[in-house]
Amino acid sequence: MPCSPEARMPQQLARSAVRALYAEVALEPKPGLVSFRDTGSHSDMTAATFVKSLFALRHYFGHMARAGACGHSFEFLQMLGLAAEERMLVATGGVNTHRGAVFALGLLCAAAGRLRAQQASLSGTGASANGSASLSPQDLRDCLLSHWGVALRLRADAAARSEPASNGQRAVRRFGLRSAGVEAALGFPTLFDVTLPALLAALQNGHAQRAARVQALFATMAVLDDTNTAHRGGMAGVLHVKAAAQGFLQAGGVARPDWVAHARAIHADFVQQRLSPGGAADVLACACWLQDIRQGTSTPTASPALFASV
C-alpha cells in the first residue's frame, strides 16, 4: 500500500495522546501518584515534570501514527520509541515519567494510523483518513495484533530469557508477574477488557469525567501486575494495592457520596508506604486516549501551548 497518509490524521491522533496523558497527570485523587495537588509517593518529580515530558513527546505520537499508516516494521516503531525515551529523559533531567506510555500509547497510535490508512484505501475517498470513520477498540486491538503481534510475542519471549535490564524486568523475574511486554503481546487485555469498559460504564451511569477516570483507575489497580509497585514494595506491595483497590470498588467506588475522601485515604496510605502504581496510570492514559478517539473529541483539555506544534 502506498505510504501517503492524510496529513491531519497523525496530528489528530497525537493531540488525542497528549490530551490523554495530560488528563492522567491532572486527575486527583490518584493513590500514590503525582498530580497537581501533590507529588504522591515521589520525591524526584512533580506535575511540572510530566508537563515537560509531554512537550518532549508531543511529536512522537504523530510519528508513530504515520509509521503505522505506512506499514513499518516493529523494529522501526521501536527505534522511534527509543528516540522518544531519550528526548523525555533530556527534558526531565533523567526522570522516567512516561516510558510505559511511550511503549503502550505509541503502539496504539501506530495501530490507529494503520487502521485509518486501511479504511482510506478501502473507501477510495480518503474520508477515513481525516477522521470520519470509526476507530473501534476491537478493530484497533485486531490491527495491532495482526501487524505486530508476532514481533511483540518474540520480544516478550526474548525478554523472559534475557538478563533483566530494568527495575520492572527484575520485578517480573523475581515475582513471576505479567510484564508490560506480555500485556502488549496479548493485545493489552487489561486495557481493553477492564480499564476501558470501567471508564465507559461509569460515564454511562452518569458519573462525571473525573469520577469515571478514578473508577477506571481503581478497576485497573485491582487486577494489574504493576511492576512499578513491585519494584517499590515487593509482592506485598502488589497485593496491598490490589486489595485496596478491590476494597474501594466493593464499597461502592465513585457511587459513594464520600468517594473522594475514601480515595484520598488510600492515597495517604500508599504515600506512607511509598507505593506508586504507575503502570495502572499508563493504562488509564491509554483508556482516555481510546475514549477520545472514539468520541472524536476536538476541544483540548490541556493548555493550548501543548498543542501548538503537534
Protein backbone atom coordinates (compact mmCIF):
# COMPACT_ATOMS: atom_id res chain seq x y z
CA MET A 1 0.00 0.00 0.00
CA PRO A 2 1.47 3.41 -0.93
CA CYS A 3 2.59 5.45 2.05
CA SER A 4 0.58 8.68 1.78
CA PRO A 5 -1.41 9.15 4.99
CA GLU A 6 -3.65 12.20 5.06
CA ALA A 7 -1.69 14.92 6.85
CA ARG A 8 -4.25 15.69 9.55
CA MET A 9 -4.65 12.09 10.70
CA PRO A 10 -1.33 11.72 12.57
CA GLN A 11 -1.78 15.17 14.13
CA GLN A 12 -5.26 14.31 15.37
CA LEU A 13 -4.08 11.07 16.95
CA ALA A 14 -1.08 12.81 18.51
CA ARG A 15 -3.24 15.54 20.00
CA SER A 16 -5.51 12.90 21.50
CA ALA A 17 -2.44 11.22 23.00
CA VAL A 18 -1.24 14.45 24.59
CA ARG A 19 -4.76 15.14 25.90
CA ALA A 20 -4.89 11.67 27.42
CA LEU A 21 -1.53 11.97 29.16
CA TYR A 22 -2.44 15.39 30.48
CA ALA A 23 -5.76 14.02 31.73
CA GLU A 24 -3.88 11.32 33.64
CA VAL A 25 -1.49 13.68 35.43
CA ALA A 26 -4.29 16.16 36.16
CA LEU A 27 -6.53 13.51 37.71
CA GLU A 28 -6.91 13.57 41.50
CA PRO A 29 -7.33 11.62 43.78
CA LYS A 30 -4.92 9.10 42.35
CA PRO A 31 -3.34 6.91 45.08
CA GLY A 32 0.43 7.19 45.32
CA LEU A 33 0.75 9.05 42.03
CA VAL A 34 1.78 12.56 41.02
CA SER A 35 -0.96 15.13 40.45
CA PHE A 36 -1.24 18.91 40.59
CA ARG A 37 -2.31 18.51 44.24
CA ASP A 38 0.90 16.77 45.41
CA THR A 39 3.75 14.53 44.32
CA GLY A 40 2.35 11.31 45.75
CA SER A 41 5.00 8.74 46.66
CA HIS A 42 7.64 10.53 44.58
CA SER A 43 10.40 12.86 45.64
CA ASP A 44 12.06 13.13 42.22
CA MET A 45 9.19 14.52 40.13
CA THR A 46 6.24 16.89 40.15
CA ALA A 47 3.32 17.52 37.82
CA ALA A 48 5.52 20.12 36.10
CA THR A 49 7.99 17.33 35.28
CA PHE A 50 5.19 15.49 33.49
CA VAL A 51 4.25 18.58 31.51
CA LYS A 52 7.88 18.99 30.40
CA SER A 53 7.82 15.38 29.31
CA LEU A 54 4.64 15.98 27.30
CA PHE A 55 6.31 18.81 25.41
CA ALA A 56 9.19 16.49 24.55
CA LEU A 57 6.87 13.69 23.39
CA ARG A 58 4.20 15.68 21.55
CA HIS A 59 5.57 14.90 18.05
CA TYR A 60 6.38 11.26 18.79
CA PHE A 61 2.80 10.01 18.75
CA GLY A 62 2.21 11.54 15.33
CA HIS A 63 5.40 9.90 14.06
CA MET A 64 4.10 6.55 15.33
CA ALA A 65 0.72 7.06 13.67
CA ARG A 66 2.42 7.92 10.39
CA ALA A 67 4.78 4.92 10.68
CA GLY A 68 1.81 2.67 11.32
CA ALA A 69 -0.05 4.06 8.32
CA CYS A 70 2.98 3.29 6.19
CA GLY A 71 3.14 -0.29 7.49
CA HIS A 72 6.60 -0.04 9.01
CA SER A 73 8.06 -2.96 10.94
CA PHE A 74 8.07 -3.28 14.70
CA GLU A 75 11.82 -2.64 14.64
CA PHE A 76 11.16 0.77 13.08
CA LEU A 77 8.50 1.54 15.68
CA GLN A 78 10.91 0.50 18.41
CA MET A 79 13.55 2.86 17.02
CA LEU A 80 11.08 5.74 17.22
CA GLY A 81 10.18 4.76 20.77
CA LEU A 82 13.76 4.64 21.97
CA ALA A 83 14.46 8.05 20.45
CA ALA A 84 11.36 9.42 22.21
CA GLU A 85 12.57 7.99 25.53
CA GLU A 86 15.86 9.83 25.07
CA ARG A 87 14.04 13.12 24.46
CA MET A 88 11.88 12.51 27.52
CA LEU A 89 14.91 11.90 29.74
CA VAL A 90 16.65 15.02 28.46
CA ALA A 91 13.54 17.11 29.13
CA THR A 92 13.05 15.73 32.64
CA GLY A 93 16.67 15.62 33.75
CA GLY A 94 16.78 11.84 33.68
CA VAL A 95 13.41 11.18 35.35
CA ASN A 96 11.26 8.42 33.86
CA THR A 97 7.82 9.99 33.59
CA HIS A 98 6.30 8.32 30.53
CA ARG A 99 8.35 5.29 29.48
CA GLY A 100 5.36 2.99 29.83
CA ALA A 101 3.16 5.35 27.84
CA VAL A 102 5.82 5.74 25.15
CA PHE A 103 5.59 1.99 24.64
CA ALA A 104 1.87 1.31 25.03
CA LEU A 105 0.31 4.51 23.73
CA GLY A 106 2.87 4.67 20.94
CA LEU A 107 1.87 1.20 19.75
CA LEU A 108 -1.79 2.15 19.88
CA CYS A 109 -1.15 5.27 17.79
CA ALA A 110 0.67 3.10 15.24
CA ALA A 111 -2.28 0.71 15.12
CA ALA A 112 -4.70 3.63 14.72
CA GLY A 113 -2.61 5.04 11.89
CA ARG A 114 -2.56 1.67 10.16
CA LEU A 115 -6.30 1.23 10.56
CA ARG A 116 -7.05 4.74 9.26
CA ALA A 117 -4.87 4.10 6.21
CA GLN A 118 -6.64 0.81 5.53
CA GLN A 119 -10.05 2.47 5.84
CA ALA A 120 -9.00 5.23 3.45
CA SER A 121 -7.66 2.71 0.96
CA LEU A 122 -10.88 0.69 1.05
CA SER A 123 -13.10 3.75 0.70
CA GLY A 124 -11.04 5.19 -2.12
CA THR A 125 -12.03 8.68 -0.99
CA GLY A 126 -9.68 9.48 1.86
CA ALA A 127 -12.66 10.11 4.13
CA SER A 128 -11.47 7.63 6.72
CA ALA A 129 -8.09 9.27 6.95
CA ASN A 130 -9.49 12.61 8.04
CA GLY A 131 -11.43 11.03 10.88
CA SER A 132 -14.98 10.41 9.67
CA ALA A 133 -14.83 6.62 10.07
CA SER A 134 -14.84 4.90 13.42
CA LEU A 135 -11.82 3.51 15.24
CA SER A 136 -13.46 0.89 17.40
CA PRO A 137 -11.44 -0.58 20.28
CA GLN A 138 -11.79 -4.11 18.89
CA ASP A 139 -10.65 -3.05 15.42
CA LEU A 140 -7.62 -1.33 16.92
CA ARG A 141 -6.75 -4.36 19.00
CA ASP A 142 -7.11 -6.67 15.99
CA CYS A 143 -5.00 -4.34 13.87
CA LEU A 144 -2.23 -4.21 16.47
CA LEU A 145 -2.04 -7.98 16.77
CA SER A 146 -2.34 -8.72 13.07
CA HIS A 147 0.51 -6.39 12.10
CA TRP A 148 2.89 -6.50 15.06
CA GLY A 149 1.63 -9.33 17.28
CA VAL A 150 4.29 -11.82 16.21
CA ALA A 151 7.09 -9.31 16.80
CA LEU A 152 5.63 -8.40 20.20
CA ARG A 153 5.48 -12.07 21.22
CA LEU A 154 9.07 -12.63 20.10
CA ARG A 155 10.14 -9.53 22.05
CA ALA A 156 8.37 -10.75 25.20
CA ASP A 157 9.91 -14.21 24.87
CA ALA A 158 13.38 -12.73 24.39
CA ALA A 159 12.95 -10.52 27.46
CA ALA A 160 11.92 -13.56 29.52
CA ARG A 161 15.14 -15.35 28.54
CA SER A 162 17.47 -12.36 28.90
CA GLU A 163 19.12 -10.85 31.93
CA PRO A 164 16.77 -8.19 33.36
CA ALA A 165 17.83 -4.72 32.25
CA SER A 166 15.38 -2.56 34.20
CA ASN A 167 13.70 -2.38 37.59
CA GLY A 168 10.45 -3.54 36.01
CA GLN A 169 12.06 -6.54 34.35
CA ARG A 170 13.76 -7.52 37.60
CA ALA A 171 10.41 -7.35 39.39
CA VAL A 172 8.80 -9.50 36.69
CA ARG A 173 11.52 -12.13 37.01
CA ARG A 174 11.58 -12.11 40.80
CA PHE A 175 7.85 -12.26 41.46
CA GLY A 176 6.55 -14.00 38.35
CA LEU A 177 4.44 -11.04 37.23
CA ARG A 178 2.99 -10.37 33.78
CA SER A 179 5.13 -7.70 32.17
CA ALA A 180 4.06 -4.74 30.05
CA GLY A 181 5.65 -6.53 27.10
CA VAL A 182 3.46 -9.59 27.63
CA GLU A 183 0.40 -7.33 28.03
CA ALA A 184 1.20 -5.84 24.62
CA ALA A 185 1.77 -9.26 23.03
CA LEU A 186 -1.66 -10.34 24.31
CA GLY A 187 -3.31 -7.23 22.86
CA PHE A 188 -3.46 -5.24 26.11
CA PRO A 189 -6.14 -7.33 27.87
CA THR A 190 -6.21 -5.16 31.00
CA LEU A 191 -6.79 -2.04 28.92
CA PHE A 192 -9.46 -3.44 26.61
CA ASP A 193 -11.20 -5.86 28.98
CA VAL A 194 -11.04 -3.94 32.28
CA THR A 195 -9.98 -0.29 32.15
CA LEU A 196 -11.87 0.98 29.10
CA PRO A 197 -15.11 -0.88 29.99
CA ALA A 198 -14.93 0.52 33.54
CA LEU A 199 -14.43 4.05 32.22
CA LEU A 200 -17.28 3.83 29.72
CA ALA A 201 -19.62 2.14 32.20
CA ALA A 202 -19.05 4.87 34.78
CA LEU A 203 -19.79 7.55 32.20
CA GLN A 204 -22.92 5.72 31.05
CA ASN A 205 -24.04 5.56 34.68
CA GLY A 206 -23.99 9.34 34.81
CA HIS A 207 -20.71 9.96 36.59
CA ALA A 208 -18.62 12.99 35.67
CA GLN A 209 -15.38 12.58 33.76
CA ARG A 210 -13.22 12.89 36.87
CA ALA A 211 -15.15 10.24 38.79
CA ALA A 212 -15.25 7.90 35.80
CA ARG A 213 -11.49 8.09 35.41
CA VAL A 214 -10.92 7.39 39.09
CA GLN A 215 -13.27 4.39 38.86
CA ALA A 216 -11.34 3.09 35.86
CA LEU A 217 -8.03 3.60 37.65
CA PHE A 218 -9.17 1.60 40.67
CA ALA A 219 -10.54 -1.14 38.42
CA THR A 220 -7.11 -1.32 36.80
CA MET A 221 -5.19 -1.33 40.08
CA ALA A 222 -7.39 -4.20 41.30
CA VAL A 223 -6.11 -6.58 38.60
CA LEU A 224 -2.88 -5.29 37.06
CA ASP A 225 0.51 -6.82 37.85
CA ASP A 226 2.08 -3.39 38.34
CA THR A 227 5.86 -3.65 38.14
CA ASN A 228 6.27 -0.10 39.45
CA THR A 229 4.55 -1.18 42.65
CA ALA A 230 6.57 -4.41 42.77
CA HIS A 231 9.84 -2.50 42.47
CA ARG A 232 8.94 -0.24 45.38
CA GLY A 233 7.03 -2.60 47.64
CA GLY A 234 7.74 -6.14 46.54
CA MET A 235 5.00 -8.70 46.19
CA ALA A 236 3.48 -7.47 49.45
CA GLY A 237 3.10 -4.05 47.85
CA VAL A 238 1.46 -5.50 44.73
CA LEU A 239 -1.05 -7.41 46.82
CA HIS A 240 -1.68 -4.39 49.05
CA VAL A 241 -2.51 -2.17 46.06
CA LYS A 242 -4.82 -4.79 44.56
CA ALA A 243 -6.60 -5.32 47.88
CA ALA A 244 -7.04 -1.58 48.49
CA ALA A 245 -8.44 -1.09 45.00
CA GLN A 246 -10.80 -4.04 45.34
CA GLY A 247 -11.96 -2.69 48.69
CA PHE A 248 -12.70 0.70 47.15
CA LEU A 249 -14.75 -0.89 44.38
CA GLN A 250 -16.60 -3.28 46.68
CA ALA A 251 -17.53 -0.35 48.94
CA GLY A 252 -19.29 1.31 46.02
CA GLY A 253 -16.44 3.06 44.23
CA VAL A 254 -17.30 6.52 42.97
CA ALA A 255 -21.01 5.88 43.59
CA ARG A 256 -20.36 6.54 47.29
CA PRO A 257 -21.07 10.12 48.35
CA ASP A 258 -17.70 10.21 50.15
CA TRP A 259 -15.69 8.59 47.37
CA VAL A 260 -13.15 11.43 47.18
CA ALA A 261 -12.34 11.14 50.90
CA HIS A 262 -12.11 7.37 50.58
CA ALA A 263 -9.73 7.58 47.61
CA ARG A 264 -7.62 10.22 49.34
CA ALA A 265 -7.31 8.00 52.42
CA ILE A 266 -5.94 5.24 50.17
CA HIS A 267 -3.62 7.80 48.62
CA ALA A 268 -2.27 8.74 52.06
CA ASP A 269 -1.72 5.05 52.85
CA PHE A 270 0.17 4.47 49.58
CA VAL A 271 2.33 7.56 50.15
CA GLN A 272 3.22 6.36 53.63
CA GLN A 273 4.34 3.04 52.14
CA ARG A 274 5.93 4.70 49.08
CA LEU A 275 3.75 2.69 46.70
CA SER A 276 3.16 4.09 43.22
CA PRO A 277 1.00 2.17 40.72
CA GLY A 278 2.49 3.89 37.70
CA GLY A 279 1.64 1.01 35.39
CA ALA A 280 -2.04 1.47 36.16
CA ALA A 281 -1.69 5.18 35.39
CA ASP A 282 -0.24 4.34 31.96
CA VAL A 283 -3.16 2.02 31.23
CA LEU A 284 -5.62 4.72 32.31
CA ALA A 285 -3.99 7.20 29.92
CA CYS A 286 -4.41 4.68 27.10
CA ALA A 287 -8.09 4.30 28.02
CA CYS A 288 -8.54 8.08 27.97
CA TRP A 289 -6.99 8.11 24.50
CA LEU A 290 -9.32 5.37 23.30
CA GLN A 291 -12.28 7.31 24.68
CA ASP A 292 -11.06 10.48 22.98
CA ILE A 293 -10.63 8.99 19.51
CA ARG A 294 -13.87 7.03 19.91
CA GLN A 295 -15.76 10.26 20.54
CA GLY A 296 -13.79 12.33 18.06
CA THR A 297 -13.05 14.93 20.72
CA SER A 298 -11.72 18.18 19.28
CA THR A 299 -11.67 20.51 22.27
CA PRO A 300 -8.34 20.44 24.14
CA THR A 301 -8.48 19.79 27.88
CA ALA A 302 -4.90 20.88 28.39
CA SER A 303 -3.00 24.10 27.91
CA PRO A 304 -3.20 25.25 24.25
CA ALA A 305 0.59 25.60 24.25
CA LEU A 306 0.91 21.82 24.40
CA PHE A 307 -0.79 21.56 21.00
CA ALA A 308 0.93 24.50 19.33
CA SER A 309 3.13 22.37 17.09
CA VAL A 310 1.77 18.84 17.36
